[in-house]
C-alpha atoms as a PDB file:
ATOM      1  CA  MET A   1     109.339 224.414  36.613  1.00  0.00           C
ATOM      2  CA  ILE A   2     108.010 220.941  35.867  1.00  0.00           C
ATOM      3  CA  SER A   3     106.670 218.839  38.659  1.00  0.00           C
ATOM      4  CA  ILE A   4     105.768 215.157  38.452  1.00  0.00           C
ATOM      5  CA  GLU A   5     103.879 213.500  41.222  1.00  0.00           C
ATOM      6  CA  VAL A   6     104.120 209.758  41.649  1.00  0.00           C
ATOM      7  CA  ASP A   7     102.201 207.948  44.303  1.00  0.00           C
ATOM      8  CA  THR A   8     104.172 205.800  46.721  1.00  0.00           C
ATOM      9  CA  ILE A   9     102.700 202.510  45.472  1.00  0.00           C
ATOM     10  CA  SER A  10     103.643 203.276  41.847  1.00  0.00           C
ATOM     11  CA  TYR A  11     107.106 204.450  42.877  1.00  0.00           C
ATOM     12  CA  ASN A  12     107.749 201.314  44.938  1.00  0.00           C
ATOM     13  CA  GLY A  13     106.447 199.176  42.085  1.00  0.00           C
ATOM     14  CA  LEU A  14     108.854 200.841  39.666  1.00  0.00           C
ATOM     15  CA  ILE A  15     111.790 200.272  42.028  1.00  0.00           C
ATOM     16  CA  ASP A  16     110.823 196.590  42.407  1.00  0.00           C
ATOM     17  CA  ASP A  17     110.519 196.219  38.626  1.00  0.00           C
ATOM     18  CA  LEU A  18     113.979 197.714  38.113  1.00  0.00           C
ATOM     19  CA  LYS A  19     115.477 195.353  40.719  1.00  0.00           C
ATOM     20  CA  ASN A  20     113.784 192.380  39.062  1.00  0.00           C
ATOM     21  CA  TYR A  21     114.934 193.534  35.622  1.00  0.00           C
ATOM     22  CA  GLY A  22     118.510 193.450  36.894  1.00  0.00           C
ATOM     23  CA  LYS A  23     118.122 189.829  37.996  1.00  0.00           C
ATOM     24  CA  SER A  24     116.289 188.960  34.793  1.00  0.00           C
ATOM     25  CA  ALA A  25     118.984 190.679  32.730  1.00  0.00           C
ATOM     26  CA  ILE A  26     121.682 188.532  34.339  1.00  0.00           C
ATOM     27  CA  SER A  27     119.641 185.416  33.547  1.00  0.00           C
ATOM     28  CA  ALA A  28     119.167 186.655  29.969  1.00  0.00           C
ATOM     29  CA  VAL A  29     122.912 187.149  29.494  1.00  0.00           C
ATOM     30  CA  LYS A  30     123.540 183.694  30.995  1.00  0.00           C
ATOM     31  CA  ARG A  31     121.131 182.150  28.466  1.00  0.00           C
ATOM     32  CA  ALA A  32     122.949 183.996  25.660  1.00  0.00           C
ATOM     33  CA  VAL A  33     126.309 182.699  26.936  1.00  0.00           C
ATOM     34  CA  ASP A  34     124.984 179.119  27.066  1.00  0.00           C
ATOM     35  CA  PHE A  35     123.439 179.395  23.597  1.00  0.00           C
ATOM     36  CA  THR A  36     126.656 180.805  22.138  1.00  0.00           C
ATOM     37  CA  GLY A  37     128.784 178.117  23.804  1.00  0.00           C
ATOM     38  CA  LEU A  38     126.642 175.408  22.271  1.00  0.00           C
ATOM     39  CA  ARG A  39     126.740 177.157  18.890  1.00  0.00           C
ATOM     40  CA  VAL A  40     130.558 177.423  18.992  1.00  0.00           C
ATOM     41  CA  GLU A  41     130.756 173.727  19.905  1.00  0.00           C
ATOM     42  CA  THR A  42     128.526 172.832  16.940  1.00  0.00           C
ATOM     43  CA  ILE A  43     130.477 174.969  14.463  1.00  0.00           C
ATOM     44  CA  ALA A  44     133.810 173.487  15.624  1.00  0.00           C
ATOM     45  CA  LYS A  45     132.458 169.973  15.030  1.00  0.00           C
ATOM     46  CA  GLN A  46     131.159 170.990  11.601  1.00  0.00           C
ATOM     47  CA  ARG A  47     134.622 172.358  10.761  1.00  0.00           C
ATOM     48  CA  LEU A  48     136.146 169.013  11.694  1.00  0.00           C
ATOM     49  CA  ARG A  49     133.657 167.353   9.318  1.00  0.00           C
ATOM     50  CA  GLY A  50     135.026 169.461   6.485  1.00  0.00           C
ATOM     51  CA  GLU A  51     132.331 172.125   6.410  1.00  0.00           C
ATOM     52  CA  PHE A  52     132.891 175.901   6.118  1.00  0.00           C
ATOM     53  CA  GLY A  53     135.871 175.499   3.783  1.00  0.00           C
ATOM     54  CA  SER A  54     137.882 173.265   6.074  1.00  0.00           C
ATOM     55  CA  ARG A  55     139.577 170.002   5.232  1.00  0.00           C
ATOM     56  CA  LYS A  56     137.946 166.968   6.803  1.00  0.00           C
ATOM     57  CA  HIS A  57     139.599 165.905  10.075  1.00  0.00           C
ATOM     58  CA  TRP A  58     137.059 163.302  11.082  1.00  0.00           C
ATOM     59  CA  ILE A  59     138.645 159.880  11.082  1.00  0.00           C
ATOM     60  CA  THR A  60     137.533 158.147  14.263  1.00  0.00           C
ATOM     61  CA  GLY A  61     135.336 160.943  15.604  1.00  0.00           C
ATOM     62  CA  ARG A  62     137.331 161.055  18.854  1.00  0.00           C
ATOM     63  CA  LEU A  63     138.400 164.687  18.470  1.00  0.00           C
ATOM     64  CA  ALA A  64     134.953 165.896  17.413  1.00  0.00           C
ATOM     65  CA  SER A  65     133.204 164.012  20.208  1.00  0.00           C
ATOM     66  CA  SER A  66     135.562 165.593  22.748  1.00  0.00           C
ATOM     67  CA  VAL A  67     134.758 169.183  21.703  1.00  0.00           C
ATOM     68  CA  HIS A  68     132.327 170.612  24.212  1.00  0.00           C
ATOM     69  CA  TYR A  69     131.392 173.739  26.128  1.00  0.00           C
ATOM     70  CA  GLU A  70     131.540 174.338  29.854  1.00  0.00           C
ATOM     71  CA  THR A  71     129.961 177.053  31.949  1.00  0.00           C
ATOM     72  CA  LYS A  72     130.037 177.387  35.704  1.00  0.00           C
ATOM     73  CA  GLY A  73     128.281 174.244  36.898  1.00  0.00           C
ATOM     74  CA  LYS A  74     127.558 172.837  33.421  1.00  0.00           C
ATOM     75  CA  ASN A  75     129.575 170.554  31.171  1.00  0.00           C
ATOM     76  CA  SER A  76     128.096 169.507  27.804  1.00  0.00           C
ATOM     77  CA  PHE A  77     130.600 166.653  27.348  1.00  0.00           C
ATOM     78  CA  LYS A  78     128.982 163.307  26.612  1.00  0.00           C
ATOM     79  CA  PRO A  79     131.556 160.502  26.691  1.00  0.00           C
ATOM     80  CA  VAL A  80     131.410 157.855  23.995  1.00  0.00           C
ATOM     81  CA  LYS A  81     130.811 154.440  25.535  1.00  0.00           C
ATOM     82  CA  ASP A  82     134.054 152.518  26.190  1.00  0.00           C
ATOM     83  CA  SER A  83     136.193 155.453  25.017  1.00  0.00           C
ATOM     84  CA  GLN A  84     138.028 155.961  28.340  1.00  0.00           C
ATOM     85  CA  ALA A  85     137.573 159.697  27.755  1.00  0.00           C
ATOM     86  CA  GLY A  86     136.850 160.502  31.385  1.00  0.00           C
ATOM     87  CA  ASP A  87     134.642 163.480  32.128  1.00  0.00           C
ATOM     88  CA  GLY A  88     136.199 165.650  29.412  1.00  0.00           C
ATOM     89  CA  ASN A  89     136.826 168.426  31.935  1.00  0.00           C
ATOM     90  CA  LEU A  90     138.847 171.289  30.455  1.00  0.00           C
ATOM     91  CA  ASN A  91     140.144 172.247  33.913  1.00  0.00           C
ATOM     92  CA  GLU A  92     139.481 175.951  33.454  1.00  0.00           C
ATOM     93  CA  THR A  93     138.267 178.391  36.078  1.00  0.00           C
ATOM     94  CA  ILE A  94     134.991 179.756  34.748  1.00  0.00           C
ATOM     95  CA  GLY A  95     133.152 182.850  35.988  1.00  0.00           C
ATOM     96  CA  ASP A  96     129.392 183.165  36.402  1.00  0.00           C
ATOM     97  CA  LEU A  97     128.826 184.677  32.943  1.00  0.00           C
ATOM     98  CA  GLU A  98     131.602 182.873  31.082  1.00  0.00           C
ATOM     99  CA  CYS A  99     131.827 179.903  28.791  1.00  0.00           C
ATOM    100  CA  VAL A 100     134.775 177.810  27.610  1.00  0.00           C
ATOM    101  CA  VAL A 101     134.721 175.657  24.489  1.00  0.00           C
ATOM    102  CA  GLY A 102     137.525 173.210  23.836  1.00  0.00           C
ATOM    103  CA  THR A 103     138.866 169.699  23.846  1.00  0.00           C
ATOM    104  CA  ASN A 104     141.101 167.713  26.157  1.00  0.00           C
ATOM    105  CA  VAL A 105     142.365 165.494  23.331  1.00  0.00           C
ATOM    106  CA  ASP A 106     146.155 165.801  23.174  1.00  0.00           C
ATOM    107  CA  TYR A 107     146.349 166.124  19.368  1.00  0.00           C
ATOM    108  CA  GLY A 108     143.655 168.824  19.231  1.00  0.00           C
ATOM    109  CA  PRO A 109     146.198 171.687  19.269  1.00  0.00           C
ATOM    110  CA  LYS A 110     148.081 170.121  16.336  1.00  0.00           C
ATOM    111  CA  ILE A 111     144.934 170.138  14.191  1.00  0.00           C
ATOM    112  CA  GLU A 112     143.997 173.656  15.417  1.00  0.00           C
ATOM    113  CA  PHE A 113     147.370 175.329  14.890  1.00  0.00           C
ATOM    114  CA  GLU A 114     149.022 173.310  12.107  1.00  0.00           C
ATOM    115  CA  TYR A 115     146.137 172.304   9.849  1.00  0.00           C
ATOM    116  CA  ASP A 116     142.719 173.919  10.285  1.00  0.00           C
ATOM    117  CA  ARG A 117     141.472 176.309  12.930  1.00  0.00           C
ATOM    118  CA  PHE A 118     138.326 174.554  14.059  1.00  0.00           C
ATOM    119  CA  LEU A 119     137.994 176.193  17.501  1.00  0.00           C
ATOM    120  CA  GLY A 120     139.300 179.626  16.499  1.00  0.00           C
ATOM    121  CA  TYR A 121     137.021 179.714  13.483  1.00  0.00           C
ATOM    122  CA  ALA A 122     134.042 178.623  15.589  1.00  0.00           C
ATOM    123  CA  ALA A 123     134.800 181.277  18.222  1.00  0.00           C
ATOM    124  CA  GLU A 124     134.880 183.998  15.558  1.00  0.00           C
ATOM    125  CA  GLN A 125     131.503 182.862  14.252  1.00  0.00           C
ATOM    126  CA  GLY A 126     130.103 182.661  17.785  1.00  0.00           C
ATOM    127  CA  GLU A 127     131.239 186.188  18.501  1.00  0.00           C
ATOM    128  CA  LYS A 128     129.151 187.403  15.571  1.00  0.00           C
ATOM    129  CA  ILE A 129     125.960 185.930  17.030  1.00  0.00           C
ATOM    130  CA  PHE A 130     126.642 186.589  20.724  1.00  0.00           C
ATOM    131  CA  GLU A 131     125.710 190.267  20.759  1.00  0.00           C
ATOM    132  CA  LYS A 132     122.553 189.590  18.745  1.00  0.00           C
ATOM    133  CA  ARG A 133     121.580 186.790  21.116  1.00  0.00           C
ATOM    134  CA  ILE A 134     122.047 189.015  24.183  1.00  0.00           C
ATOM    135  CA  GLU A 135     119.859 191.662  22.559  1.00  0.00           C
ATOM    136  CA  GLU A 136     117.152 189.074  21.809  1.00  0.00           C
ATOM    137  CA  GLU A 137     117.248 187.719  25.351  1.00  0.00           C
ATOM    138  CA  LEU A 138     117.088 191.181  26.934  1.00  0.00           C
ATOM    139  CA  ASN A 139     114.223 192.221  24.667  1.00  0.00           C
ATOM    140  CA  ALA A 140     112.303 189.117  25.736  1.00  0.00           C
ATOM    141  CA  ILE A 141     112.269 190.218  29.394  1.00  0.00           C
ATOM    142  CA  LYS A 142     108.776 191.162  30.415  1.00  0.00           C
END
């Protein structure tokens, strides 16, 4: 038989650390979600510029400037002065650990589905880095 004795103070400290790790882990995943959302936004805009093997779809910059990410309580949209773009809201219900990247420009789907997948391509690339980013964030918890 193996017996391990742990004093009450050490035991309680371990329990507290595990509870704090849980909260820290949620924050770490949230940071990874935010980072990935921003990365997907950036890649989509680069695709519209003609990078990553795409044709250039940057004429006025309206579509590219409308591409943004949203998380619960955060919207990265920055309207261009005098563009009448509104707040850019994508009108999606977003959970605590979710992110949405898109555009509210009406011709965005035409470019995405008939010419070049700028959002789909960006999402695929973001997926590749998301798991790695979560791992990095979790490993950084002290």
